[in-house]
């Protein structure tokens, strides 16, 4: 039964992560800690390995469709990798309780962002129009906004390495709110970037022996299937209902992580 739960959860994590550009770590880490009693640092390391697979499966589809902004991805990723490297080096020395509570805060913040995005689309506000803008280009973004984006990118990298997420929970708002990219382009570009960011952090966990090899193999395979399915059918799914359901899952997971911390 535990094996079935792990497979189902990680397939779902890959599916949702590829659609929203989040990587799936916000689901995998709480499940590994709460259900399977993984030490928090081992859960984070295993999640980072799986996120690399999620990115590869989803971004290959998005790249073919031409909705990934490569100029924005490569520029912003330089700073997120810097943050991820800093986070990977410092994570083993942080108290597990502090990491668990911090993860709960990130979960609540992400739930708020997902619910807010869903409601704004349901009410037919400008977010829907922004999704369909085709004239946006990274070269049009002014230097001031780019500077804020780069600084925020370092924070995204730190969150990725320390909490075991791909950093998409910060990257998507950076691209959408600070750089003005359409939300669909932001999530697709985030799906491409999270693999690079997660790799920078995962190296340190693998080197330190914090990754469970068997769990990593199972999780990576399941996540790949879910991410591939999510990327292929994403255009056919109304994201409002997924966002709302996902928000409830995040709130529940956040409460459990607070209790664990």
Protein backbone atom coordinates (compact mmCIF):
# COMPACT_ATOMS: atom_id res chain seq x y z
CA UNK A 1 0.00 0.00 0.00
CA UNK A 2 2.86 2.39 0.82
CA UNK A 3 4.36 1.69 -2.60
CA UNK A 4 1.02 2.48 -4.30
CA UNK A 5 0.67 5.71 -2.33
CA UNK A 6 4.20 6.78 -3.28
CA UNK A 7 3.61 6.06 -6.98
CA UNK A 8 0.20 7.81 -7.07
CA UNK A 9 1.46 10.85 -5.17
CA UNK A 10 4.55 11.38 -7.28
CA UNK A 11 2.67 10.92 -10.56
CA UNK A 12 0.23 13.58 -9.36
CA UNK A 13 3.12 15.81 -8.26
CA UNK A 14 4.72 15.57 -11.69
CA UNK A 15 1.38 16.20 -13.40
CA UNK A 16 0.52 19.33 -11.42
CA UNK A 17 4.12 20.54 -11.30
CA UNK A 18 4.49 20.49 -15.08
CA UNK A 19 1.24 22.42 -15.61
CA UNK A 20 1.99 25.13 -13.04
CA UNK A 21 5.79 25.25 -13.45
CA UNK A 22 6.37 24.32 -9.82
CA UNK A 23 8.34 21.07 -10.06
CA UNK A 24 6.18 19.04 -7.67
CA UNK A 25 8.47 19.33 -4.66
CA UNK A 26 5.76 21.08 -2.66
CA UNK A 27 3.84 17.79 -2.76
CA UNK A 28 6.67 15.27 -2.64
CA UNK A 29 8.55 16.61 0.38
CA UNK A 30 5.54 16.64 2.77
CA UNK A 31 4.52 13.13 1.61
CA UNK A 32 8.01 11.71 2.12
CA UNK A 33 8.28 13.32 5.56
CA UNK A 34 4.72 12.78 6.84
CA UNK A 35 3.76 9.45 5.28
CA UNK A 36 7.11 7.68 4.96
CA UNK A 37 8.99 9.23 7.90
CA UNK A 38 11.93 10.43 5.82
CA UNK A 39 14.34 12.79 7.59
CA UNK A 40 13.63 16.25 6.20
CA UNK A 41 17.07 16.58 4.59
CA UNK A 42 16.69 13.19 2.84
CA UNK A 43 13.22 14.12 1.59
CA UNK A 44 14.52 17.40 0.22
CA UNK A 45 17.43 15.71 -1.58
CA UNK A 46 15.20 13.01 -3.11
CA UNK A 47 12.73 15.67 -4.21
CA UNK A 48 15.41 17.71 -5.96
CA UNK A 49 16.49 14.68 -7.99
CA UNK A 50 12.88 14.11 -9.04
CA UNK A 51 12.43 17.77 -9.99
CA UNK A 52 15.23 17.47 -12.54
CA UNK A 53 13.20 14.69 -14.20
CA UNK A 54 9.99 16.76 -14.05
CA UNK A 55 11.69 19.64 -15.81
CA UNK A 56 13.09 17.43 -18.58
CA UNK A 57 9.72 15.80 -19.25
CA UNK A 58 7.67 19.01 -19.29
CA UNK A 59 10.08 21.46 -20.91
CA UNK A 60 10.70 19.19 -23.89
CA UNK A 61 7.02 19.61 -24.79
CA UNK A 62 6.91 23.35 -24.06
CA UNK A 63 10.05 24.00 -26.11
CA UNK A 64 8.49 22.35 -29.15
CA UNK A 65 5.47 24.64 -28.79
CA UNK A 66 7.70 27.72 -28.62
CA UNK A 67 6.25 29.09 -25.36
CA UNK A 68 9.51 29.05 -23.38
CA UNK A 69 11.38 32.37 -23.25
CA UNK A 70 14.98 31.21 -23.52
CA UNK A 71 16.51 34.72 -23.11
CA UNK A 72 14.59 35.22 -19.84
CA UNK A 73 15.36 31.68 -18.66
CA UNK A 74 19.13 31.86 -19.18
CA UNK A 75 19.49 35.36 -17.71
CA UNK A 76 17.43 34.64 -14.61
CA UNK A 77 18.89 31.17 -14.13
CA UNK A 78 22.41 32.54 -13.58
CA UNK A 79 21.17 34.11 -10.37
CA UNK A 80 18.95 31.22 -9.24
CA UNK A 81 21.86 28.79 -9.63
CA UNK A 82 23.97 31.10 -7.46
CA UNK A 83 21.26 31.05 -4.80
CA UNK A 84 20.82 27.26 -5.10
CA UNK A 85 24.55 26.69 -4.63
CA UNK A 86 24.53 28.83 -1.50
CA UNK A 87 21.48 26.98 -0.20
CA UNK A 88 22.90 23.53 -0.94
CA UNK A 89 26.08 24.30 1.00
CA UNK A 90 24.25 25.65 4.04
CA UNK A 91 21.25 23.26 4.19
CA UNK A 92 22.99 20.38 6.08
CA UNK A 93 23.80 22.78 8.91
CA UNK A 94 20.26 24.11 9.36
CA UNK A 95 17.97 22.68 12.09
CA UNK A 96 15.41 20.21 10.67
CA UNK A 97 12.66 21.92 12.69
CA UNK A 98 13.46 25.29 11.12
CA UNK A 99 13.39 23.77 7.62
CA UNK A 100 10.01 22.10 8.24
CA UNK A 101 8.43 25.33 9.52
CA UNK A 102 9.93 27.32 6.65
CA UNK A 103 8.50 24.83 4.21
CA UNK A 104 5.07 25.28 5.78
CA UNK A 105 5.29 29.03 5.24
CA UNK A 106 6.20 28.52 1.57
CA UNK A 107 3.26 26.13 1.17
CA UNK A 108 0.78 28.67 2.58
CA UNK A 109 2.17 31.44 0.40
CA UNK A 110 1.91 29.23 -2.68
CA UNK A 111 -1.67 28.26 -1.80
CA UNK A 112 -2.62 31.93 -1.61
CA UNK A 113 -1.03 32.66 -4.98
CA UNK A 114 -2.77 29.71 -6.65
CA UNK A 115 -6.19 30.63 -5.23
CA UNK A 116 -5.74 34.29 -6.12
CA UNK A 117 -4.79 33.42 -9.69
CA UNK A 118 -7.80 31.12 -10.04
CA UNK A 119 -10.30 33.67 -8.73
CA UNK A 120 -8.91 36.43 -10.94
CA UNK A 121 -9.35 34.23 -14.02
CA UNK A 122 -12.85 33.19 -12.94
CA UNK A 123 -13.88 36.82 -12.69
CA UNK A 124 -12.49 37.50 -16.16
CA UNK A 125 -9.97 40.12 -15.08
CA UNK A 126 -6.90 41.24 -17.01
CA UNK A 127 -4.99 38.05 -16.20
CA UNK A 128 -6.82 36.24 -18.99
CA UNK A 129 -5.93 38.96 -21.49
CA UNK A 130 -2.34 38.88 -20.30
CA UNK A 131 -2.20 35.16 -21.03
CA UNK A 132 -2.93 35.78 -24.69
CA UNK A 133 -0.44 38.61 -25.31
CA UNK A 134 2.01 37.56 -28.01
CA UNK A 135 3.93 40.80 -28.34
CA UNK A 136 5.81 40.43 -25.03
CA UNK A 137 9.56 39.90 -25.27
CA UNK A 138 12.29 39.85 -22.63
CA UNK A 139 14.22 42.52 -24.54
CA UNK A 140 11.32 44.92 -23.86
CA UNK A 141 11.72 44.70 -20.06
CA UNK A 142 13.39 47.79 -18.57
CA UNK A 143 16.67 47.56 -16.62
CA UNK A 144 15.08 48.41 -13.28
CA UNK A 145 12.61 45.53 -13.50
CA UNK A 146 15.35 43.18 -14.66
CA UNK A 147 17.49 44.12 -11.65
CA UNK A 148 14.65 43.33 -9.25
CA UNK A 149 14.10 40.06 -11.07
CA UNK A 150 17.75 39.03 -10.75
CA UNK A 151 17.84 39.77 -7.01
CA UNK A 152 14.62 37.84 -6.51
CA UNK A 153 16.13 35.00 -8.56
CA UNK A 154 18.81 34.49 -5.91
CA UNK A 155 16.03 34.06 -3.33
CA UNK A 156 14.33 31.51 -5.61
CA UNK A 157 17.55 29.49 -5.72
CA UNK A 158 17.91 29.54 -1.95
CA UNK A 159 14.33 28.32 -1.51
CA UNK A 160 14.92 25.57 -4.06
CA UNK A 161 18.01 24.10 -2.43
CA UNK A 162 16.97 24.45 1.21
CA UNK A 163 13.33 23.34 0.87
CA UNK A 164 13.63 20.84 -1.98
CA UNK A 165 11.40 22.65 -4.44
CA UNK A 166 12.27 23.77 -7.96
CA UNK A 167 11.95 27.43 -7.05
CA UNK A 168 8.92 27.82 -9.32
CA UNK A 169 6.84 29.16 -6.44
CA UNK A 170 9.00 32.28 -6.64
CA UNK A 171 10.10 32.19 -10.28
CA UNK A 172 6.60 32.32 -11.75
CA UNK A 173 5.62 35.47 -9.77
CA UNK A 174 9.02 37.02 -10.64
CA UNK A 175 8.46 36.56 -14.37
CA UNK A 176 4.76 37.39 -14.31
CA UNK A 177 4.67 40.29 -11.83
CA UNK A 178 8.16 41.85 -12.02
CA UNK A 179 9.04 41.17 -15.66
CA UNK A 180 5.51 41.34 -17.05
CA UNK A 181 5.55 38.01 -18.91
CA UNK A 182 2.20 36.35 -19.73
CA UNK A 183 1.31 33.71 -17.13
CA UNK A 184 1.45 30.79 -19.58
CA UNK A 185 4.89 31.81 -20.79
CA UNK A 186 5.98 32.27 -17.16
CA UNK A 187 4.91 28.76 -16.11
CA UNK A 188 6.41 27.14 -19.22
CA UNK A 189 9.72 28.99 -18.76
CA UNK A 190 9.71 28.08 -15.06
CA UNK A 191 9.23 24.40 -15.95
CA UNK A 192 12.34 24.66 -18.12
CA UNK A 193 14.39 26.49 -15.47
CA UNK A 194 13.58 24.39 -12.40
CA UNK A 195 15.63 21.45 -13.65
CA UNK A 196 18.78 23.57 -13.81
CA UNK A 197 18.14 25.13 -10.40
CA UNK A 198 17.34 21.78 -8.77
CA UNK A 199 20.48 20.21 -10.26
CA UNK A 200 22.65 22.85 -8.60
CA UNK A 201 21.20 21.97 -5.21
CA UNK A 202 20.87 18.19 -5.76
CA UNK A 203 24.61 17.78 -6.36
CA UNK A 204 25.35 18.71 -2.75
CA UNK A 205 22.71 16.33 -1.35
CA UNK A 206 23.97 13.45 -3.52
CA UNK A 207 27.56 14.13 -2.50
CA UNK A 208 26.59 14.19 1.17
CA UNK A 209 24.73 10.86 0.99
CA UNK A 210 21.37 12.42 1.86
CA UNK A 211 19.46 10.93 -1.09
CA UNK A 212 17.71 7.56 -0.74
CA UNK A 213 18.69 5.75 -3.99
CA UNK A 214 15.68 3.40 -4.20
CA UNK A 215 13.18 6.14 -3.38
CA UNK A 216 14.84 8.46 -5.90
CA UNK A 217 14.49 5.86 -8.68
CA UNK A 218 10.81 5.21 -7.90
CA UNK A 219 9.97 8.89 -7.51
CA UNK A 220 11.87 9.93 -10.65
CA UNK A 221 10.08 7.35 -12.82
CA UNK A 222 6.64 8.25 -11.50
CA UNK A 223 7.27 11.98 -11.75
CA UNK A 224 8.41 11.63 -15.37
CA UNK A 225 5.13 9.95 -16.32
CA UNK A 226 3.03 12.55 -14.54
CA UNK A 227 5.00 15.49 -15.91
CA UNK A 228 4.83 14.21 -19.47
CA UNK A 229 1.05 13.72 -19.27
CA UNK A 230 0.57 17.14 -17.69
CA UNK A 231 2.60 18.96 -20.34
CA UNK A 232 0.78 17.24 -23.22
CA UNK A 233 -2.77 17.87 -22.01
CA UNK A 234 -2.17 21.22 -20.25
CA UNK A 235 -3.76 23.31 -23.04
CA UNK A 236 -6.97 21.26 -22.78
CA UNK A 237 -7.42 21.68 -19.02
CA UNK A 238 -9.15 24.56 -17.31
CA UNK A 239 -6.59 25.49 -14.68
CA UNK A 240 -9.02 27.27 -12.31
CA UNK A 241 -10.30 24.06 -10.71
CA UNK A 242 -6.81 22.55 -10.49
CA UNK A 243 -5.51 25.69 -8.78
CA UNK A 244 -8.28 25.67 -6.18
CA UNK A 245 -7.93 21.95 -5.42
CA UNK A 246 -4.16 22.35 -5.28
CA UNK A 247 -4.51 25.24 -2.84
CA UNK A 248 -6.48 23.05 -0.43
CA UNK A 249 -3.81 20.34 -0.64
CA UNK A 250 -1.11 22.89 0.06
CA UNK A 251 -2.90 24.28 3.10
CA UNK A 252 -3.36 20.77 4.53
CA UNK A 253 0.29 19.90 3.88
CA UNK A 254 1.42 23.19 5.42
CA UNK A 255 -0.48 22.47 8.64
CA UNK A 256 1.06 19.00 8.85
CA UNK A 257 4.54 20.38 8.25
CA UNK A 258 4.03 23.00 10.98
CA UNK A 259 3.05 20.21 13.38
CA UNK A 260 6.07 18.17 12.30
CA UNK A 261 8.29 21.20 12.93
